[in-house]
Amino acid sequence: MIDRFGFSATGLAGVMRIERRPRADARGWLERLYCCEELEPLLGGRRIRQVNRSLTHLRGTLRGLHLQRPPHAEAKIVVCLRGAVFDVAVDLRAGSPTFRRWHGERLTAEGATMLLVPEGCAHGFQTLAGDCELLYLHTAAYAPESEIVIDPFDARLAVDWPEAVAELSERDAAAPPLDPAFEGIVLE
């Protein structure tokens, strides 16, 4: 098998940094964004069910924090195709040793880093450039009835967003912080 990816752990249980390994020659390069044989083991044997692409125009825009509860819990792999973002995963899994901790990773179009956000982790990002384009590979289809939207400025989570927020959707701005009694997402 050709190893098209390198993997490294982050400070959060199950959140992985995935490094693409492009093949280059005088003509340019080719890189693999997904390979079921190499990436499905990281996804707990789950298959990619949905692929989404987003474009965010304004630098400093913050999107998130979002996740889906069971039975529609999803893992996702996030790829930056254009621009640069500060991509964040927040561990909200019941019983996790890194519960309520977060990890941020700078993803750029020029870099070869992707981020695996496992089930039970909230996801969000802030754009570090204008016109940022992201690709998301999801293990479950979007189910609005299972979505949780969390205040991205929740003091208990204390995500250190790198820039002043230039834009935030009404939905994200109105999102509540986690309930103090919240004990985590129980995955099935």
N, C-alpha and C. Protein backbone atom coordinates (compact mmCIF):
# COMPACT_ATOMS: atom_id res chain seq x y z
N MET A 1 0.84 -1.18 0.00
CA MET A 1 0.00 0.00 0.00
C MET A 1 0.89 1.24 0.00
N ILE A 2 0.50 2.25 -0.74
CA ILE A 2 1.22 3.52 -0.76
C ILE A 2 0.69 4.36 0.40
N ASP A 3 1.58 4.82 1.25
CA ASP A 3 1.16 5.66 2.37
C ASP A 3 1.01 7.10 1.88
N ARG A 4 -0.22 7.52 1.70
CA ARG A 4 -0.50 8.88 1.24
C ARG A 4 -0.77 9.83 2.39
N PHE A 5 -0.78 9.31 3.64
CA PHE A 5 -1.10 10.12 4.80
C PHE A 5 -0.14 9.81 5.94
N GLY A 6 0.10 10.81 6.75
CA GLY A 6 0.78 10.64 8.03
C GLY A 6 -0.20 11.06 9.11
N PHE A 7 -0.13 10.47 10.28
CA PHE A 7 -1.08 10.74 11.34
C PHE A 7 -0.34 11.12 12.61
N SER A 8 -0.87 12.10 13.33
CA SER A 8 -0.31 12.44 14.64
C SER A 8 -1.44 12.86 15.57
N ALA A 9 -1.26 12.51 16.83
CA ALA A 9 -2.25 12.83 17.85
C ALA A 9 -2.16 14.30 18.20
N THR A 10 -3.26 14.83 18.70
CA THR A 10 -3.30 16.19 19.24
C THR A 10 -3.47 16.06 20.75
N GLY A 11 -3.75 17.15 21.42
CA GLY A 11 -3.97 17.12 22.86
C GLY A 11 -5.32 16.59 23.27
N LEU A 12 -6.21 16.29 22.30
CA LEU A 12 -7.53 15.77 22.62
C LEU A 12 -7.65 14.32 22.17
N ALA A 13 -8.20 13.51 23.03
CA ALA A 13 -8.39 12.09 22.72
C ALA A 13 -9.19 11.94 21.42
N GLY A 14 -8.62 11.24 20.44
CA GLY A 14 -9.32 10.94 19.20
C GLY A 14 -9.25 12.01 18.13
N VAL A 15 -8.85 13.21 18.48
CA VAL A 15 -8.69 14.28 17.48
C VAL A 15 -7.32 14.09 16.86
N MET A 16 -7.30 13.90 15.55
CA MET A 16 -6.04 13.57 14.86
C MET A 16 -5.70 14.61 13.80
N ARG A 17 -4.42 14.87 13.71
CA ARG A 17 -3.86 15.67 12.62
C ARG A 17 -3.51 14.69 11.51
N ILE A 18 -3.99 14.96 10.32
CA ILE A 18 -3.71 14.10 9.18
C ILE A 18 -2.90 14.92 8.19
N GLU A 19 -1.73 14.41 7.84
CA GLU A 19 -0.87 15.10 6.88
C GLU A 19 -0.95 14.38 5.54
N ARG A 20 -1.37 15.12 4.52
CA ARG A 20 -1.38 14.55 3.17
C ARG A 20 0.05 14.51 2.66
N ARG A 21 0.36 13.50 1.88
CA ARG A 21 1.70 13.35 1.31
C ARG A 21 1.60 13.41 -0.20
N PRO A 22 1.67 14.62 -0.76
CA PRO A 22 1.55 14.75 -2.21
C PRO A 22 2.72 14.09 -2.94
N ARG A 23 2.44 13.66 -4.15
CA ARG A 23 3.47 13.13 -5.05
C ARG A 23 3.72 14.21 -6.09
N ALA A 24 4.96 14.66 -6.20
CA ALA A 24 5.27 15.78 -7.09
C ALA A 24 6.35 15.40 -8.09
N ASP A 25 6.28 16.06 -9.23
CA ASP A 25 7.34 15.98 -10.23
C ASP A 25 7.35 17.32 -10.98
N ALA A 26 8.05 17.39 -12.08
CA ALA A 26 8.20 18.65 -12.80
C ALA A 26 6.86 19.21 -13.29
N ARG A 27 5.86 18.36 -13.48
CA ARG A 27 4.56 18.80 -13.98
C ARG A 27 3.72 19.48 -12.91
N GLY A 28 3.98 19.14 -11.64
CA GLY A 28 3.16 19.63 -10.55
C GLY A 28 3.02 18.54 -9.50
N TRP A 29 1.82 18.38 -8.93
CA TRP A 29 1.64 17.39 -7.88
C TRP A 29 0.24 16.79 -7.92
N LEU A 30 0.11 15.68 -7.23
CA LEU A 30 -1.17 14.99 -7.01
C LEU A 30 -1.20 14.60 -5.55
N GLU A 31 -2.32 14.87 -4.91
CA GLU A 31 -2.45 14.41 -3.52
C GLU A 31 -3.82 13.79 -3.32
N ARG A 32 -3.87 12.87 -2.43
CA ARG A 32 -5.11 12.18 -2.10
C ARG A 32 -5.74 12.90 -0.92
N LEU A 33 -7.04 13.18 -1.02
CA LEU A 33 -7.77 13.79 0.09
C LEU A 33 -8.44 12.74 0.96
N TYR A 34 -8.75 11.59 0.36
CA TYR A 34 -9.40 10.53 1.12
C TYR A 34 -9.05 9.18 0.52
N CYS A 35 -8.87 8.20 1.37
CA CYS A 35 -8.65 6.82 0.97
C CYS A 35 -9.27 5.95 2.05
N CYS A 36 -10.30 5.17 1.70
CA CYS A 36 -11.00 4.39 2.72
C CYS A 36 -10.07 3.41 3.43
N GLU A 37 -9.12 2.81 2.70
CA GLU A 37 -8.22 1.85 3.34
C GLU A 37 -7.35 2.50 4.42
N GLU A 38 -6.94 3.74 4.20
CA GLU A 38 -6.06 4.40 5.15
C GLU A 38 -6.81 5.20 6.21
N LEU A 39 -7.99 5.73 5.89
CA LEU A 39 -8.66 6.64 6.83
C LEU A 39 -9.82 6.00 7.59
N GLU A 40 -10.47 4.98 7.05
CA GLU A 40 -11.59 4.37 7.77
C GLU A 40 -11.21 3.81 9.13
N PRO A 41 -10.00 3.26 9.31
CA PRO A 41 -9.65 2.82 10.66
C PRO A 41 -9.71 3.96 11.69
N LEU A 42 -9.37 5.18 11.29
CA LEU A 42 -9.47 6.33 12.19
C LEU A 42 -10.92 6.71 12.47
N LEU A 43 -11.80 6.33 11.56
CA LEU A 43 -13.22 6.66 11.68
C LEU A 43 -14.01 5.55 12.35
N GLY A 44 -13.32 4.63 13.00
CA GLY A 44 -14.00 3.52 13.66
C GLY A 44 -14.71 2.61 12.69
N GLY A 45 -14.19 2.50 11.46
CA GLY A 45 -14.80 1.65 10.46
C GLY A 45 -15.98 2.28 9.74
N ARG A 46 -16.35 3.50 10.15
CA ARG A 46 -17.46 4.19 9.47
C ARG A 46 -17.01 4.70 8.11
N ARG A 47 -17.97 4.82 7.22
CA ARG A 47 -17.69 5.31 5.87
C ARG A 47 -18.12 6.77 5.76
N ILE A 48 -17.53 7.46 4.83
CA ILE A 48 -17.93 8.82 4.55
C ILE A 48 -19.31 8.78 3.88
N ARG A 49 -20.26 9.53 4.42
CA ARG A 49 -21.65 9.53 3.94
C ARG A 49 -22.03 10.82 3.24
N GLN A 50 -21.29 11.89 3.54
CA GLN A 50 -21.65 13.18 2.96
C GLN A 50 -20.39 14.02 2.83
N VAL A 51 -20.30 14.79 1.75
CA VAL A 51 -19.19 15.71 1.54
C VAL A 51 -19.77 17.09 1.32
N ASN A 52 -19.29 18.06 2.09
CA ASN A 52 -19.77 19.44 1.99
C ASN A 52 -18.60 20.37 1.73
N ARG A 53 -18.91 21.49 1.12
CA ARG A 53 -17.91 22.52 0.86
C ARG A 53 -18.49 23.84 1.31
N SER A 54 -17.66 24.67 1.96
CA SER A 54 -18.13 25.99 2.38
C SER A 54 -17.17 27.06 1.87
N LEU A 55 -17.72 28.25 1.67
CA LEU A 55 -16.93 29.41 1.31
C LEU A 55 -17.29 30.52 2.29
N THR A 56 -16.30 31.12 2.90
CA THR A 56 -16.51 32.21 3.84
C THR A 56 -15.72 33.40 3.32
N HIS A 57 -16.40 34.49 3.05
CA HIS A 57 -15.77 35.63 2.39
C HIS A 57 -14.88 36.48 3.31
N LEU A 58 -15.35 36.80 4.49
CA LEU A 58 -14.70 37.82 5.32
C LEU A 58 -13.70 37.24 6.32
N ARG A 59 -12.49 37.78 6.34
CA ARG A 59 -11.49 37.40 7.34
C ARG A 59 -12.04 37.72 8.73
N GLY A 60 -11.77 36.84 9.68
CA GLY A 60 -12.23 37.02 11.05
C GLY A 60 -13.60 36.44 11.33
N THR A 61 -14.26 35.89 10.30
CA THR A 61 -15.57 35.27 10.50
C THR A 61 -15.41 34.02 11.36
N LEU A 62 -16.34 33.86 12.28
CA LEU A 62 -16.33 32.68 13.16
C LEU A 62 -17.58 31.86 12.84
N ARG A 63 -17.39 30.55 12.64
CA ARG A 63 -18.50 29.62 12.42
C ARG A 63 -18.40 28.52 13.46
N GLY A 64 -19.47 28.30 14.19
CA GLY A 64 -19.48 27.24 15.19
C GLY A 64 -19.79 27.82 16.55
N LEU A 65 -19.87 26.97 17.45
CA LEU A 65 -19.49 25.56 17.57
C LEU A 65 -20.71 24.67 17.34
N HIS A 66 -20.56 23.64 16.53
CA HIS A 66 -21.67 22.76 16.16
C HIS A 66 -21.29 21.29 16.33
N LEU A 67 -22.28 20.47 16.64
CA LEU A 67 -22.13 19.01 16.58
C LEU A 67 -23.49 18.37 16.47
N GLN A 68 -23.51 17.09 16.12
CA GLN A 68 -24.74 16.31 16.05
C GLN A 68 -24.72 15.24 17.14
N ARG A 69 -25.85 15.12 17.83
CA ARG A 69 -26.03 14.09 18.86
C ARG A 69 -26.40 12.76 18.20
N PRO A 70 -26.17 11.65 18.94
CA PRO A 70 -26.69 10.37 18.47
C PRO A 70 -28.20 10.46 18.34
N PRO A 71 -28.79 9.77 17.42
CA PRO A 71 -28.22 8.71 16.59
C PRO A 71 -27.55 9.21 15.31
N HIS A 72 -27.41 10.53 15.18
CA HIS A 72 -26.80 11.10 13.98
C HIS A 72 -25.42 11.68 14.25
N ALA A 73 -24.78 11.22 15.32
CA ALA A 73 -23.43 11.71 15.64
C ALA A 73 -22.52 11.44 14.45
N GLU A 74 -21.59 12.34 14.22
CA GLU A 74 -20.73 12.21 13.06
C GLU A 74 -19.29 12.54 13.41
N ALA A 75 -18.40 11.87 12.73
CA ALA A 75 -17.01 12.29 12.69
C ALA A 75 -16.84 13.06 11.40
N LYS A 76 -15.87 13.97 11.38
CA LYS A 76 -15.63 14.71 10.14
C LYS A 76 -14.15 14.95 9.97
N ILE A 77 -13.75 14.98 8.72
CA ILE A 77 -12.40 15.36 8.35
C ILE A 77 -12.52 16.71 7.64
N VAL A 78 -11.74 17.68 8.11
CA VAL A 78 -11.83 19.05 7.59
C VAL A 78 -10.56 19.36 6.81
N VAL A 79 -10.75 19.89 5.58
CA VAL A 79 -9.66 20.22 4.66
C VAL A 79 -9.82 21.67 4.23
N CYS A 80 -8.76 22.45 4.26
CA CYS A 80 -8.79 23.81 3.75
C CYS A 80 -8.32 23.80 2.29
N LEU A 81 -9.18 24.23 1.38
CA LEU A 81 -8.87 24.25 -0.04
C LEU A 81 -8.37 25.62 -0.52
N ARG A 82 -8.78 26.67 0.20
CA ARG A 82 -8.36 28.03 -0.16
C ARG A 82 -8.33 28.88 1.10
N GLY A 83 -7.27 29.70 1.24
CA GLY A 83 -7.16 30.59 2.38
C GLY A 83 -6.52 29.92 3.57
N ALA A 84 -6.93 30.35 4.76
CA ALA A 84 -6.38 29.82 6.02
C ALA A 84 -7.43 29.98 7.11
N VAL A 85 -7.55 28.97 7.95
CA VAL A 85 -8.50 29.01 9.06
C VAL A 85 -7.85 28.48 10.33
N PHE A 86 -8.41 28.88 11.47
CA PHE A 86 -8.09 28.31 12.77
C PHE A 86 -9.23 27.35 13.06
N ASP A 87 -8.99 26.06 12.92
CA ASP A 87 -10.00 25.02 13.03
C ASP A 87 -9.98 24.45 14.44
N VAL A 88 -11.15 24.31 15.07
CA VAL A 88 -11.24 23.95 16.48
C VAL A 88 -12.14 22.74 16.69
N ALA A 89 -11.68 21.82 17.53
CA ALA A 89 -12.49 20.71 18.02
C ALA A 89 -12.60 20.85 19.53
N VAL A 90 -13.81 20.66 20.05
CA VAL A 90 -14.06 20.73 21.50
C VAL A 90 -14.62 19.39 21.93
N ASP A 91 -13.95 18.74 22.88
CA ASP A 91 -14.36 17.42 23.35
C ASP A 91 -15.55 17.54 24.29
N LEU A 92 -16.69 17.00 23.87
CA LEU A 92 -17.90 17.02 24.69
C LEU A 92 -18.42 15.61 24.97
N ARG A 93 -17.52 14.63 24.90
CA ARG A 93 -17.89 13.23 25.11
C ARG A 93 -17.90 12.89 26.59
N ALA A 94 -19.00 12.32 27.04
CA ALA A 94 -19.12 11.89 28.43
C ALA A 94 -18.01 10.89 28.75
N GLY A 95 -17.34 11.10 29.85
CA GLY A 95 -16.30 10.17 30.30
C GLY A 95 -14.96 10.32 29.62
N SER A 96 -14.83 11.24 28.68
CA SER A 96 -13.55 11.41 27.98
C SER A 96 -12.52 12.04 28.92
N PRO A 97 -11.27 11.60 28.83
CA PRO A 97 -10.22 12.21 29.68
C PRO A 97 -9.93 13.66 29.29
N THR A 98 -10.40 14.08 28.12
CA THR A 98 -10.17 15.47 27.69
C THR A 98 -11.50 16.24 27.59
N PHE A 99 -12.49 15.81 28.35
CA PHE A 99 -13.82 16.44 28.35
C PHE A 99 -13.71 17.94 28.59
N ARG A 100 -14.39 18.72 27.75
CA ARG A 100 -14.45 20.19 27.78
C ARG A 100 -13.14 20.88 27.42
N ARG A 101 -12.18 20.13 26.93
CA ARG A 101 -10.95 20.76 26.43
C ARG A 101 -11.09 20.96 24.92
N TRP A 102 -10.28 21.85 24.38
CA TRP A 102 -10.33 22.13 22.95
C TRP A 102 -8.94 22.05 22.35
N HIS A 103 -8.92 21.84 21.04
CA HIS A 103 -7.68 21.85 20.27
C HIS A 103 -7.91 22.69 19.03
N GLY A 104 -6.97 23.60 18.74
CA GLY A 104 -7.04 24.41 17.54
C GLY A 104 -5.88 24.09 16.62
N GLU A 105 -6.16 24.09 15.34
CA GLU A 105 -5.15 23.75 14.33
C GLU A 105 -5.28 24.74 13.18
N ARG A 106 -4.17 25.30 12.76
CA ARG A 106 -4.18 26.18 11.59
C ARG A 106 -4.18 25.30 10.34
N LEU A 107 -5.22 25.45 9.52
CA LEU A 107 -5.32 24.73 8.26
C LEU A 107 -5.20 25.76 7.15
N THR A 108 -4.37 25.45 6.15
CA THR A 108 -4.19 26.37 5.03
C THR A 108 -4.28 25.61 3.71
N ALA A 109 -4.54 26.35 2.65
CA ALA A 109 -4.57 25.74 1.32
C ALA A 109 -3.18 25.26 0.93
N GLU A 110 -2.16 25.98 1.34
CA GLU A 110 -0.79 25.61 0.98
C GLU A 110 -0.26 24.44 1.81
N GLY A 111 -0.76 24.29 3.02
CA GLY A 111 -0.32 23.21 3.90
C GLY A 111 -1.00 21.91 3.52
N ALA A 112 -0.54 20.85 4.11
CA ALA A 112 -1.08 19.53 3.80
C ALA A 112 -1.78 18.91 5.01
N THR A 113 -2.18 19.76 5.95
CA THR A 113 -2.80 19.26 7.18
C THR A 113 -4.31 19.25 7.09
N MET A 114 -4.92 18.16 7.56
CA MET A 114 -6.36 18.04 7.72
C MET A 114 -6.61 17.73 9.19
N LEU A 115 -7.83 17.94 9.66
CA LEU A 115 -8.15 17.64 11.05
C LEU A 115 -9.31 16.66 11.10
N LEU A 116 -9.12 15.59 11.87
CA LEU A 116 -10.19 14.63 12.14
C LEU A 116 -10.87 15.04 13.44
N VAL A 117 -12.16 15.33 13.36
CA VAL A 117 -12.98 15.69 14.51
C VAL A 117 -13.90 14.51 14.79
N PRO A 118 -13.69 13.77 15.88
CA PRO A 118 -14.49 12.56 16.11
C PRO A 118 -15.91 12.87 16.60
N GLU A 119 -16.74 11.85 16.58
CA GLU A 119 -18.10 11.95 17.12
C GLU A 119 -18.04 12.47 18.55
N GLY A 120 -18.98 13.32 18.89
CA GLY A 120 -19.05 13.84 20.25
C GLY A 120 -18.19 15.06 20.49
N CYS A 121 -17.52 15.52 19.45
CA CYS A 121 -16.72 16.74 19.56
C CYS A 121 -17.39 17.83 18.74
N ALA A 122 -17.51 19.02 19.33
CA ALA A 122 -18.04 20.17 18.60
C ALA A 122 -16.95 20.69 17.67
N HIS A 123 -17.38 21.34 16.60
CA HIS A 123 -16.45 21.87 15.61
C HIS A 123 -16.78 23.32 15.30
N GLY A 124 -15.75 24.11 15.10
CA GLY A 124 -15.91 25.48 14.66
C GLY A 124 -14.62 25.95 14.03
N PHE A 125 -14.67 27.10 13.38
CA PHE A 125 -13.45 27.66 12.82
C PHE A 125 -13.58 29.17 12.70
N GLN A 126 -12.41 29.82 12.63
CA GLN A 126 -12.34 31.25 12.35
C GLN A 126 -11.44 31.45 11.13
N THR A 127 -11.90 32.29 10.19
CA THR A 127 -11.11 32.54 9.00
C THR A 127 -9.95 33.47 9.32
N LEU A 128 -8.78 33.15 8.77
CA LEU A 128 -7.57 33.94 8.96
C LEU A 128 -7.20 34.68 7.68
N ALA A 129 -8.06 34.58 6.68
CA ALA A 129 -7.88 35.24 5.39
C ALA A 129 -9.27 35.42 4.79
N GLY A 130 -9.35 36.18 3.73
CA GLY A 130 -10.62 36.32 3.03
C GLY A 130 -10.83 35.16 2.07
N ASP A 131 -12.08 34.91 1.74
CA ASP A 131 -12.46 33.87 0.77
C ASP A 131 -11.86 32.51 1.09
N CYS A 132 -12.17 32.01 2.26
CA CYS A 132 -11.70 30.68 2.70
C CYS A 132 -12.71 29.62 2.27
N GLU A 133 -12.15 28.55 1.72
CA GLU A 133 -12.97 27.44 1.25
C GLU A 133 -12.56 26.17 1.99
N LEU A 134 -13.55 25.52 2.60
CA LEU A 134 -13.30 24.28 3.33
C LEU A 134 -14.08 23.13 2.70
N LEU A 135 -13.52 21.94 2.82
CA LEU A 135 -14.16 20.70 2.41
C LEU A 135 -14.31 19.86 3.66
N TYR A 136 -15.52 19.31 3.86
CA TYR A 136 -15.80 18.47 5.02
C TYR A 136 -16.24 17.10 4.54
N LEU A 137 -15.65 16.06 5.11
CA LEU A 137 -16.06 14.69 4.83
C LEU A 137 -16.72 14.17 6.11
N HIS A 138 -18.01 13.81 6.02
CA HIS A 138 -18.82 13.45 7.19
C HIS A 138 -19.18 11.97 7.18
N THR A 139 -19.23 11.37 8.36
CA THR A 139 -19.65 9.97 8.47
C THR A 139 -21.16 9.83 8.64
N ALA A 140 -21.88 10.93 8.71
CA ALA A 140 -23.35 10.89 8.79
C ALA A 140 -23.91 12.07 8.02
N ALA A 141 -25.09 11.91 7.50
CA ALA A 141 -25.77 13.01 6.82
C ALA A 141 -26.25 14.02 7.86
N TYR A 142 -26.38 15.26 7.44
CA TYR A 142 -26.86 16.32 8.32
C TYR A 142 -28.28 16.04 8.77
N ALA A 143 -28.50 16.12 10.08
CA ALA A 143 -29.83 15.91 10.67
C ALA A 143 -30.11 17.09 11.60
N PRO A 144 -30.84 18.10 11.15
CA PRO A 144 -31.03 19.31 11.95
C PRO A 144 -31.64 19.05 13.33
N GLU A 145 -32.46 18.01 13.44
CA GLU A 145 -33.08 17.71 14.74
C GLU A 145 -32.06 17.20 15.77
N SER A 146 -30.89 16.79 15.32
CA SER A 146 -29.85 16.28 16.21
C SER A 146 -28.73 17.28 16.46
N GLU A 147 -28.82 18.44 15.83
CA GLU A 147 -27.72 19.40 15.94
C GLU A 147 -27.77 20.17 17.27
N ILE A 148 -26.59 20.40 17.80
CA ILE A 148 -26.40 21.25 18.97
C ILE A 148 -25.53 22.41 18.51
N VAL A 149 -25.93 23.62 18.88
CA VAL A 149 -25.15 24.82 18.59
C VAL A 149 -24.77 25.42 19.94
N ILE A 150 -23.49 25.65 20.15
CA ILE A 150 -22.96 26.10 21.44
C ILE A 150 -22.31 27.48 21.28
N ASP A 151 -22.49 28.32 22.26
CA ASP A 151 -21.87 29.64 22.27
C ASP A 151 -20.36 29.49 22.07
N PRO A 152 -19.82 30.07 20.98
CA PRO A 152 -18.38 29.92 20.75
C PRO A 152 -17.51 30.67 21.75
N PHE A 153 -18.15 31.50 22.59
CA PHE A 153 -17.42 32.24 23.62
C PHE A 153 -17.73 31.72 25.02
N ASP A 154 -18.26 30.51 25.12
CA ASP A 154 -18.57 29.89 26.41
C ASP A 154 -17.34 29.95 27.31
N ALA A 155 -17.48 30.59 28.46
CA ALA A 155 -16.33 30.79 29.37
C ALA A 155 -15.79 29.46 29.90
N ARG A 156 -16.64 28.44 30.03
CA ARG A 156 -16.16 27.14 30.53
C ARG A 156 -15.27 26.44 29.51
N LEU A 157 -15.50 26.72 28.23
CA LEU A 157 -14.68 26.12 27.19
C LEU A 157 -13.44 26.97 26.91
N ALA A 158 -13.59 28.27 26.97
CA ALA A 158 -12.49 29.24 26.84
C ALA A 158 -11.64 29.02 25.58
N VAL A 159 -12.31 28.86 24.44
CA VAL A 159 -11.58 28.76 23.18
C VAL A 159 -10.89 30.10 22.92
N ASP A 160 -9.61 30.05 22.61
CA ASP A 160 -8.82 31.25 22.38
C ASP A 160 -8.80 31.53 20.87
N TRP A 161 -9.86 32.19 20.39
CA TRP A 161 -9.95 32.53 18.98
C TRP A 161 -8.85 33.54 18.66
N PRO A 162 -8.11 33.37 17.56
CA PRO A 162 -6.90 34.16 17.33
C PRO A 162 -7.12 35.60 16.88
N GLU A 163 -8.31 35.93 16.37
CA GLU A 163 -8.54 37.27 15.85
C GLU A 163 -9.85 37.83 16.41
N ALA A 164 -9.99 39.14 16.31
CA ALA A 164 -11.26 39.77 16.64
C ALA A 164 -12.31 39.21 15.68
N VAL A 165 -13.50 38.98 16.17
CA VAL A 165 -14.55 38.40 15.33
C VAL A 165 -15.16 39.49 14.46
N ALA A 166 -15.06 39.30 13.15
CA ALA A 166 -15.59 40.25 12.18
C ALA A 166 -17.04 39.95 11.82
N GLU A 167 -17.41 38.67 11.89
CA GLU A 167 -18.77 38.26 11.51
C GLU A 167 -19.12 36.97 12.22
N LEU A 168 -20.39 36.89 12.65
CA LEU A 168 -20.91 35.72 13.34
C LEU A 168 -22.38 35.63 12.96
N SER A 169 -22.86 34.45 12.59
CA SER A 169 -24.26 34.32 12.20
C SER A 169 -25.16 34.60 13.40
N GLU A 170 -26.41 34.97 13.11
CA GLU A 170 -27.38 35.19 14.19
C GLU A 170 -27.56 33.93 15.02
N ARG A 171 -27.60 32.80 14.34
CA ARG A 171 -27.79 31.53 15.05
C ARG A 171 -26.65 31.25 16.01
N ASP A 172 -25.38 31.45 15.56
CA ASP A 172 -24.24 31.21 16.44
C ASP A 172 -24.18 32.25 17.56
N ALA A 173 -24.52 33.50 17.25
CA ALA A 173 -24.50 34.55 18.26
C ALA A 173 -25.54 34.31 19.35
N ALA A 174 -26.66 33.67 18.99
CA ALA A 174 -27.73 33.40 19.95
C ALA A 174 -27.56 32.07 20.68
N ALA A 175 -26.55 31.31 20.32
CA ALA A 175 -26.36 29.97 20.92
C ALA A 175 -26.05 30.10 22.41
N PRO A 176 -26.64 29.23 23.22
CA PRO A 176 -26.37 29.28 24.66
C PRO A 176 -25.04 28.61 25.00
N PRO A 177 -24.48 28.99 26.15
CA PRO A 177 -23.32 28.23 26.64
C PRO A 177 -23.80 26.85 27.11
N LEU A 178 -22.85 25.98 27.35
CA LEU A 178 -23.22 24.67 27.90
C LEU A 178 -23.86 24.85 29.27
N ASP A 179 -24.86 24.06 29.54
CA ASP A 179 -25.50 24.07 30.85
C ASP A 179 -24.45 23.62 31.88
N PRO A 180 -24.37 24.27 33.03
CA PRO A 180 -23.38 23.85 34.04
C PRO A 180 -23.52 22.38 34.45
N ALA A 181 -24.74 21.83 34.31
CA ALA A 181 -24.95 20.42 34.67
C ALA A 181 -24.63 19.46 33.52
N PHE A 182 -24.22 19.98 32.37
CA PHE A 182 -23.93 19.14 31.20
C PHE A 182 -22.78 18.18 31.53
N GLU A 183 -23.06 16.88 31.35
CA GLU A 183 -22.05 15.85 31.67
C GLU A 183 -21.50 15.18 30.43
N GLY A 184 -21.91 15.66 29.26
CA GLY A 184 -21.32 15.13 28.04
C GLY A 184 -22.29 14.34 27.18
N ILE A 185 -21.86 14.17 25.93
CA ILE A 185 -22.61 13.41 24.94
C ILE A 185 -22.28 11.93 25.15
N VAL A 186 -23.32 11.13 25.32
CA VAL A 186 -23.14 9.69 25.43
C VAL A 186 -23.27 9.11 24.03
N LEU A 187 -22.18 8.52 23.55
CA LEU A 187 -22.19 7.94 22.21
C LEU A 187 -22.70 6.51 22.27
N GLU A 188 -23.44 6.13 21.24
CA GLU A 188 -24.01 4.78 21.20
C GLU A 188 -23.06 3.79 20.63
